[in-house]
PDB file of N, CA and C in Angstrom:
ATOM      1  N   MET A   1     -53.986 -91.545-107.602  1.00  0.00           N
ATOM      2  CA  MET A   1     -55.075 -91.503-108.585  1.00  0.00           C
ATOM      3  C   MET A   1     -56.157 -90.561-108.056  1.00  0.00           C
ATOM      4  N   ASN A   2     -56.591 -89.675-108.910  1.00  0.00           N
ATOM      5  CA  ASN A   2     -57.630 -88.730-108.544  1.00  0.00           C
ATOM      6  C   ASN A   2     -58.953 -89.116-109.190  1.00  0.00           C
ATOM      7  N   ASN A   3     -59.832 -89.708-108.404  1.00  0.00           N
ATOM      8  CA  ASN A   3     -61.123 -90.127-108.931  1.00  0.00           C
ATOM      9  C   ASN A   3     -62.176 -89.087-108.658  1.00  0.00           C
ATOM     10  N   GLU A   4     -63.113 -88.960-109.539  1.00  0.00           N
ATOM     11  CA  GLU A   4     -64.225 -88.034-109.334  1.00  0.00           C
ATOM     12  C   GLU A   4     -65.504 -88.820-109.316  1.00  0.00           C
ATOM     13  N   TYR A   5     -66.397 -88.403-108.469  1.00  0.00           N
ATOM     14  CA  TYR A   5     -67.705 -89.062-108.309  1.00  0.00           C
ATOM     15  C   TYR A   5     -68.771 -87.986-108.372  1.00  0.00           C
ATOM     16  N   THR A   6     -70.002 -88.398-108.630  1.00  0.00           N
ATOM     17  CA  THR A   6     -71.103 -87.451-108.748  1.00  0.00           C
ATOM     18  C   THR A   6     -71.982 -87.474-107.519  1.00  0.00           C
ATOM     19  N   ALA A   7     -72.040 -86.323-106.855  1.00  0.00           N
ATOM     20  CA  ALA A   7     -72.921 -86.200-105.682  1.00  0.00           C
ATOM     21  C   ALA A   7     -74.275 -85.610-106.134  1.00  0.00           C
ATOM     22  N   ILE A   8     -75.322 -86.292-105.787  1.00  0.00           N
ATOM     23  CA  ILE A   8     -76.685 -85.771-106.007  1.00  0.00           C
ATOM     24  C   ILE A   8     -77.082 -85.071-104.706  1.00  0.00           C
ATOM     25  N   ILE A   9     -77.400 -83.806-104.792  1.00  0.00           N
ATOM     26  CA  ILE A   9     -77.637 -82.994-103.612  1.00  0.00           C
ATOM     27  C   ILE A   9     -78.961 -82.245-103.762  1.00  0.00           C
ATOM     28  N   LYS A  10     -79.732 -82.236-102.689  1.00  0.00           N
ATOM     29  CA  LYS A  10     -80.970 -81.445-102.727  1.00  0.00           C
ATOM     30  C   LYS A  10     -81.392 -81.026-101.313  1.00  0.00           C
ATOM     31  N   GLN A  11     -82.110 -79.973-101.240  1.00  0.00           N
ATOM     32  CA  GLN A  11     -82.624 -79.525 -99.962  1.00  0.00           C
ATOM     33  C   GLN A  11     -84.011 -80.091 -99.769  1.00  0.00           C
ATOM     34  N   ASP A  12     -84.256 -80.648 -98.598  1.00  0.00           N
ATOM     35  CA  ASP A  12     -85.556 -81.252 -98.255  1.00  0.00           C
ATOM     36  C   ASP A  12     -86.002 -80.628 -96.944  1.00  0.00           C
ATOM     37  N   GLY A  13     -86.825 -79.623 -97.044  1.00  0.00           N
ATOM     38  CA  GLY A  13     -87.229 -78.882 -95.843  1.00  0.00           C
ATOM     39  C   GLY A  13     -86.017 -78.165 -95.268  1.00  0.00           C
ATOM     40  N   GLU A  14     -85.732 -78.365 -94.010  1.00  0.00           N
ATOM     41  CA  GLU A  14     -84.602 -77.719 -93.376  1.00  0.00           C
ATOM     42  C   GLU A  14     -83.302 -78.508 -93.540  1.00  0.00           C
ATOM     43  N   TRP A  15     -83.356 -79.649 -94.127  1.00  0.00           N
ATOM     44  CA  TRP A  15     -82.201 -80.542 -94.263  1.00  0.00           C
ATOM     45  C   TRP A  15     -81.677 -80.553 -95.681  1.00  0.00           C
ATOM     46  N   TRP A  16     -80.399 -80.790 -95.808  1.00  0.00           N
ATOM     47  CA  TRP A  16     -79.749 -81.088 -97.100  1.00  0.00           C
ATOM     48  C   TRP A  16     -79.513 -82.567 -97.110  1.00  0.00           C
ATOM     49  N   ILE A  17     -79.884 -83.202 -98.177  1.00  0.00           N
ATOM     50  CA  ILE A  17     -79.626 -84.658 -98.340  1.00  0.00           C
ATOM     51  C   ILE A  17     -78.870 -84.885 -99.631  1.00  0.00           C
ATOM     52  N   GLY A  18     -78.084 -85.971 -99.646  1.00  0.00           N
ATOM     53  CA  GLY A  18     -77.322 -86.253-100.817  1.00  0.00           C
ATOM     54  C   GLY A  18     -76.805 -87.690-100.825  1.00  0.00           C
ATOM     55  N   TRP A  19     -76.381 -88.101-101.997  1.00  0.00           N
ATOM     56  CA  TRP A  19     -75.808 -89.442-102.166  1.00  0.00           C
ATOM     57  C   TRP A  19     -74.838 -89.425-103.319  1.00  0.00           C
ATOM     58  N   ILE A  20     -74.003 -90.448-103.341  1.00  0.00           N
ATOM     59  CA  ILE A  20     -73.035 -90.541-104.434  1.00  0.00           C
ATOM     60  C   ILE A  20     -73.626 -91.510-105.471  1.00  0.00           C
ATOM     61  N   GLU A  21     -73.775 -90.986-106.647  1.00  0.00           N
ATOM     62  CA  GLU A  21     -74.449 -91.687-107.738  1.00  0.00           C
ATOM     63  C   GLU A  21     -73.812 -93.025-108.044  1.00  0.00           C
ATOM     64  N   GLU A  22     -72.489 -93.102-108.055  1.00  0.00           N
ATOM     65  CA  GLU A  22     -71.793 -94.289-108.489  1.00  0.00           C
ATOM     66  C   GLU A  22     -71.553 -95.331-107.409  1.00  0.00           C
ATOM     67  N   VAL A  23     -71.802 -95.003-106.152  1.00  0.00           N
ATOM     68  CA  VAL A  23     -71.489 -95.936-105.076  1.00  0.00           C
ATOM     69  C   VAL A  23     -72.698 -96.147-104.169  1.00  0.00           C
ATOM     70  N   PRO A  24     -73.405 -97.232-104.329  1.00  0.00           N
ATOM     71  CA  PRO A  24     -74.596 -97.505-103.511  1.00  0.00           C
ATOM     72  C   PRO A  24     -74.243 -97.456-102.008  1.00  0.00           C
ATOM     73  N   GLY A  25     -75.138 -96.886-101.216  1.00  0.00           N
ATOM     74  CA  GLY A  25     -74.972 -96.883 -99.793  1.00  0.00           C
ATOM     75  C   GLY A  25     -74.295 -95.648 -99.237  1.00  0.00           C
ATOM     76  N   VAL A  26     -73.735 -94.803-100.137  1.00  0.00           N
ATOM     77  CA  VAL A  26     -73.088 -93.573 -99.638  1.00  0.00           C
ATOM     78  C   VAL A  26     -74.109 -92.472 -99.758  1.00  0.00           C
ATOM     79  N   ASN A  27     -74.709 -92.180 -98.602  1.00  0.00           N
ATOM     80  CA  ASN A  27     -75.704 -91.103 -98.532  1.00  0.00           C
ATOM     81  C   ASN A  27     -75.616 -90.423 -97.165  1.00  0.00           C
ATOM     82  N   CYS A  28     -75.972 -89.161 -97.130  1.00  0.00           N
ATOM     83  CA  CYS A  28     -75.844 -88.362 -95.907  1.00  0.00           C
ATOM     84  C   CYS A  28     -76.947 -87.338 -95.813  1.00  0.00           C
ATOM     85  N   GLN A  29     -77.093 -86.780 -94.637  1.00  0.00           N
ATOM     86  CA  GLN A  29     -78.037 -85.741 -94.366  1.00  0.00           C
ATOM     87  C   GLN A  29     -77.396 -84.757 -93.414  1.00  0.00           C
ATOM     88  N   GLU A  30     -77.481 -83.483 -93.699  1.00  0.00           N
ATOM     89  CA  GLU A  30     -76.871 -82.437 -92.829  1.00  0.00           C
ATOM     90  C   GLU A  30     -77.729 -81.176 -92.880  1.00  0.00           C
ATOM     91  N   LYS A  31     -77.464 -80.287 -91.963  1.00  0.00           N
ATOM     92  CA  LYS A  31     -78.195 -79.039 -91.859  1.00  0.00           C
ATOM     93  C   LYS A  31     -77.761 -77.990 -92.871  1.00  0.00           C
ATOM     94  N   THR A  32     -76.520 -78.077 -93.365  1.00  0.00           N
ATOM     95  CA  THR A  32     -76.060 -77.111 -94.380  1.00  0.00           C
ATOM     96  C   THR A  32     -75.500 -77.873 -95.572  1.00  0.00           C
ATOM     97  N   ARG A  33     -75.488 -77.174 -96.717  1.00  0.00           N
ATOM     98  CA  ARG A  33     -74.958 -77.785 -97.952  1.00  0.00           C
ATOM     99  C   ARG A  33     -73.489 -78.114 -97.781  1.00  0.00           C
ATOM    100  N   GLU A  34     -72.728 -77.172 -97.151  1.00  0.00           N
ATOM    101  CA  GLU A  34     -71.294 -77.339 -96.990  1.00  0.00           C
ATOM    102  C   GLU A  34     -71.028 -78.570 -96.098  1.00  0.00           C
ATOM    103  N   ASP A  35     -71.767 -78.727 -95.003  1.00  0.00           N
ATOM    104  CA  ASP A  35     -71.580 -79.873 -94.129  1.00  0.00           C
ATOM    105  C   ASP A  35     -71.912 -81.160 -94.892  1.00  0.00           C
ATOM    106  N   LEU A  36     -72.952 -81.109 -95.723  1.00  0.00           N
ATOM    107  CA  LEU A  36     -73.340 -82.310 -96.504  1.00  0.00           C
ATOM    108  C   LEU A  36     -72.244 -82.733 -97.439  1.00  0.00           C
ATOM    109  N   VAL A  37     -71.663 -81.781 -98.171  1.00  0.00           N
ATOM    110  CA  VAL A  37     -70.608 -82.130 -99.100  1.00  0.00           C
ATOM    111  C   VAL A  37     -69.437 -82.764 -98.378  1.00  0.00           C
ATOM    112  N   GLU A  38     -69.071 -82.193 -97.236  1.00  0.00           N
ATOM    113  CA  GLU A  38     -67.953 -82.771 -96.448  1.00  0.00           C
ATOM    114  C   GLU A  38     -68.290 -84.172 -95.926  1.00  0.00           C
ATOM    115  N   SER A  39     -69.530 -84.366 -95.422  1.00  0.00           N
ATOM    116  CA  SER A  39     -69.945 -85.675 -94.957  1.00  0.00           C
ATOM    117  C   SER A  39     -69.943 -86.672 -96.099  1.00  0.00           C
ATOM    118  N   LEU A  40     -70.390 -86.303 -97.264  1.00  0.00           N
ATOM    119  CA  LEU A  40     -70.367 -87.199 -98.418  1.00  0.00           C
ATOM    120  C   LEU A  40     -68.911 -87.583 -98.743  1.00  0.00           C
ATOM    121  N   ARG A  41     -68.024 -86.627 -98.728  1.00  0.00           N
ATOM    122  CA  ARG A  41     -66.619 -86.875 -99.031  1.00  0.00           C
ATOM    123  C   ARG A  41     -66.013 -87.881 -98.019  1.00  0.00           C
ATOM    124  N   VAL A  42     -66.249 -87.660 -96.755  1.00  0.00           N
ATOM    125  CA  VAL A  42     -65.727 -88.554 -95.712  1.00  0.00           C
ATOM    126  C   VAL A  42     -66.359 -89.955 -95.830  1.00  0.00           C
ATOM    127  N   THR A  43     -67.655 -89.992 -96.018  1.00  0.00           N
ATOM    128  CA  THR A  43     -68.350 -91.287 -96.127  1.00  0.00           C
ATOM    129  C   THR A  43     -67.912 -92.063 -97.370  1.00  0.00           C
ATOM    130  N   LEU A  44     -67.749 -91.371 -98.472  1.00  0.00           N
ATOM    131  CA  LEU A  44     -67.257 -92.031 -99.707  1.00  0.00           C
ATOM    132  C   LEU A  44     -65.836 -92.596 -99.494  1.00  0.00           C
ATOM    133  N   ARG A  45     -64.970 -91.819 -98.872  1.00  0.00           N
ATOM    134  CA  ARG A  45     -63.617 -92.305 -98.623  1.00  0.00           C
ATOM    135  C   ARG A  45     -63.653 -93.555 -97.747  1.00  0.00           C
ATOM    136  N   GLU A  46     -64.472 -93.534 -96.696  1.00  0.00           N
ATOM    137  CA  GLU A  46     -64.575 -94.703 -95.792  1.00  0.00           C
ATOM    138  C   GLU A  46     -65.150 -95.917 -96.545  1.00  0.00           C
ATOM    139  N   ALA A  47     -66.155 -95.714 -97.375  1.00  0.00           N
ATOM    140  CA  ALA A  47     -66.751 -96.812 -98.106  1.00  0.00           C
ATOM    141  C   ALA A  47     -65.753 -97.423 -99.089  1.00  0.00           C
ATOM    142  N   LEU A  48     -64.998 -96.580 -99.768  1.00  0.00           N
ATOM    143  CA  LEU A  48     -64.014 -97.115-100.728  1.00  0.00           C
ATOM    144  C   LEU A  48     -62.898 -97.877 -99.994  1.00  0.00           C
ATOM    145  N   ASP A  49     -62.461 -97.364 -98.848  1.00  0.00           N
ATOM    146  CA  ASP A  49     -61.449 -98.064 -98.078  1.00  0.00           C
ATOM    147  C   ASP A  49     -61.973 -99.428 -97.598  1.00  0.00           C
ATOM    148  N   LEU A  50     -63.193 -99.458 -97.094  1.00  0.00           N
ATOM    149  CA  LEU A  50     -63.779-100.697 -96.629  1.00  0.00           C
ATOM    150  C   LEU A  50     -63.935-101.684 -97.787  1.00  0.00           C
ATOM    151  N   ASN A  51     -64.427-101.228 -98.891  1.00  0.00           N
ATOM    152  CA  ASN A  51     -64.586-102.128-100.079  1.00  0.00           C
ATOM    153  C   ASN A  51     -63.249-102.703-100.523  1.00  0.00           C
ATOM    154  N   ARG A  52     -62.210-101.842-100.477  1.00  0.00           N
ATOM    155  CA  ARG A  52     -60.844-102.294-100.881  1.00  0.00           C
ATOM    156  C   ARG A  52     -60.376-103.388 -99.930  1.00  0.00           C
ATOM    157  N   GLU A  53     -60.527-103.157 -98.614  1.00  0.00           N
ATOM    158  CA  GLU A  53     -60.116-104.129 -97.626  1.00  0.00           C
ATOM    159  C   GLU A  53     -60.824-105.437 -97.779  1.00  0.00           C
ATOM    160  N   GLU A  54     -62.159-105.369 -97.992  1.00  0.00           N
ATOM    161  CA  GLU A  54     -62.973-106.573 -98.133  1.00  0.00           C
ATOM    162  C   GLU A  54     -62.569-107.343 -99.403  1.00  0.00           C
ATOM    163  N   ALA A  55     -62.298-106.649-100.474  1.00  0.00           N
ATOM    164  CA  ALA A  55     -61.904-107.330-101.741  1.00  0.00           C
ATOM    165  C   ALA A  55     -60.557-108.017-101.561  1.00  0.00           C
ATOM    166  N   ARG A  56     -59.621-107.366-100.927  1.00  0.00           N
ATOM    167  CA  ARG A  56     -58.315-107.987-100.712  1.00  0.00           C
ATOM    168  C   ARG A  56     -58.380-109.214 -99.772  1.00  0.00           C
ATOM    169  N   PHE A  57     -59.226-109.077 -98.740  1.00  0.00           N
ATOM    170  CA  PHE A  57     -59.411-110.205 -97.849  1.00  0.00           C
ATOM    171  C   PHE A  57     -60.025-111.387 -98.548  1.00  0.00           C
ATOM    172  N   ALA A  58     -61.036-111.114 -99.410  1.00  0.00           N
ATOM    173  CA  ALA A  58     -61.706-112.175-100.157  1.00  0.00           C
ATOM    174  C   ALA A  58     -60.775-112.855-101.151  1.00  0.00           C
ATOM    175  N   ALA A  59     -59.806-112.132-101.651  1.00  0.00           N
ATOM    176  CA  ALA A  59     -58.870-112.658-102.670  1.00  0.00           C
ATOM    177  C   ALA A  59     -57.880-113.634-102.043  1.00  0.00           C
ATOM    178  N   GLY A  60     -57.647-113.545-100.745  1.00  0.00           N
ATOM    179  CA  GLY A  60     -56.651-114.426-100.170  1.00  0.00           C
ATOM    180  C   GLY A  60     -55.255-113.864-100.295  1.00  0.00           C
ATOM    181  N   ASP A  61     -54.267-114.794-100.365  1.00  0.00           N
ATOM    182  CA  ASP A  61     -52.897-114.344-100.334  1.00  0.00           C
ATOM    183  C   ASP A  61     -52.210-114.304-101.696  1.00  0.00           C
ATOM    184  N   ARG A  62     -52.822-114.840-102.719  1.00  0.00           N
ATOM    185  CA  ARG A  62     -52.184-114.817-104.044  1.00  0.00           C
ATOM    186  C   ARG A  62     -53.116-114.176-105.050  1.00  0.00           C
ATOM    187  N   TYR A  63     -52.849-112.917-105.330  1.00  0.00           N
ATOM    188  CA  TYR A  63     -53.675-112.189-106.317  1.00  0.00           C
ATOM    189  C   TYR A  63     -52.852-111.113-106.950  1.00  0.00           C
ATOM    190  N   ALA A  64     -53.331-110.592-108.046  1.00  0.00           N
ATOM    191  CA  ALA A  64     -52.726-109.474-108.723  1.00  0.00           C
ATOM    192  C   ALA A  64     -53.714-108.314-108.770  1.00  0.00           C
ATOM    193  N   GLU A  65     -53.201-107.119-108.780  1.00  0.00           N
ATOM    194  CA  GLU A  65     -54.047-105.936-108.922  1.00  0.00           C
ATOM    195  C   GLU A  65     -53.800-105.342-110.325  1.00  0.00           C
ATOM    196  N   GLU A  66     -54.871-104.910-110.952  1.00  0.00           N
ATOM    197  CA  GLU A  66     -54.810-104.324-112.273  1.00  0.00           C
ATOM    198  C   GLU A  66     -55.663-103.058-112.286  1.00  0.00           C
ATOM    199  N   ARG A  67     -55.053-101.939-112.663  1.00  0.00           N
ATOM    200  CA  ARG A  67     -55.795-100.675-112.781  1.00  0.00           C
ATOM    201  C   ARG A  67     -56.658-100.726-114.076  1.00  0.00           C
ATOM    202  N   ILE A  68     -57.872-100.331-113.944  1.00  0.00           N
ATOM    203  CA  ILE A  68     -58.783-100.308-115.082  1.00  0.00           C
ATOM    204  C   ILE A  68     -59.476 -98.942-115.159  1.00  0.00           C
ATOM    205  N   ALA A  69     -59.401 -98.320-116.297  1.00  0.00           N
ATOM    206  CA  ALA A  69     -60.039 -97.035-116.492  1.00  0.00           C
ATOM    207  C   ALA A  69     -61.242 -97.228-117.411  1.00  0.00           C
ATOM    208  N   VAL A  70     -62.275 -96.474-117.142  1.00  0.00           N
ATOM    209  CA  VAL A  70     -63.478 -96.546-118.018  1.00  0.00           C
ATOM    210  C   VAL A  70     -63.809 -95.153-118.515  1.00  0.00           C
TER     211      VAL A  70
END
């Protein structure tokens, strides 16, 4: 599945800062725009993996998964 997310990016002095609009807590700061985009990509991937693991753990051993598109 190829998901797309919206990165809000801006330069603040000498730093580039950004966050993912749809996922609270995914934010980064880097010296270059390119490094920022890569950091956001890595951080988003890690956050989604962690959320997935936590959701499955909370569900226990008997659950079903259902894909939902919006």
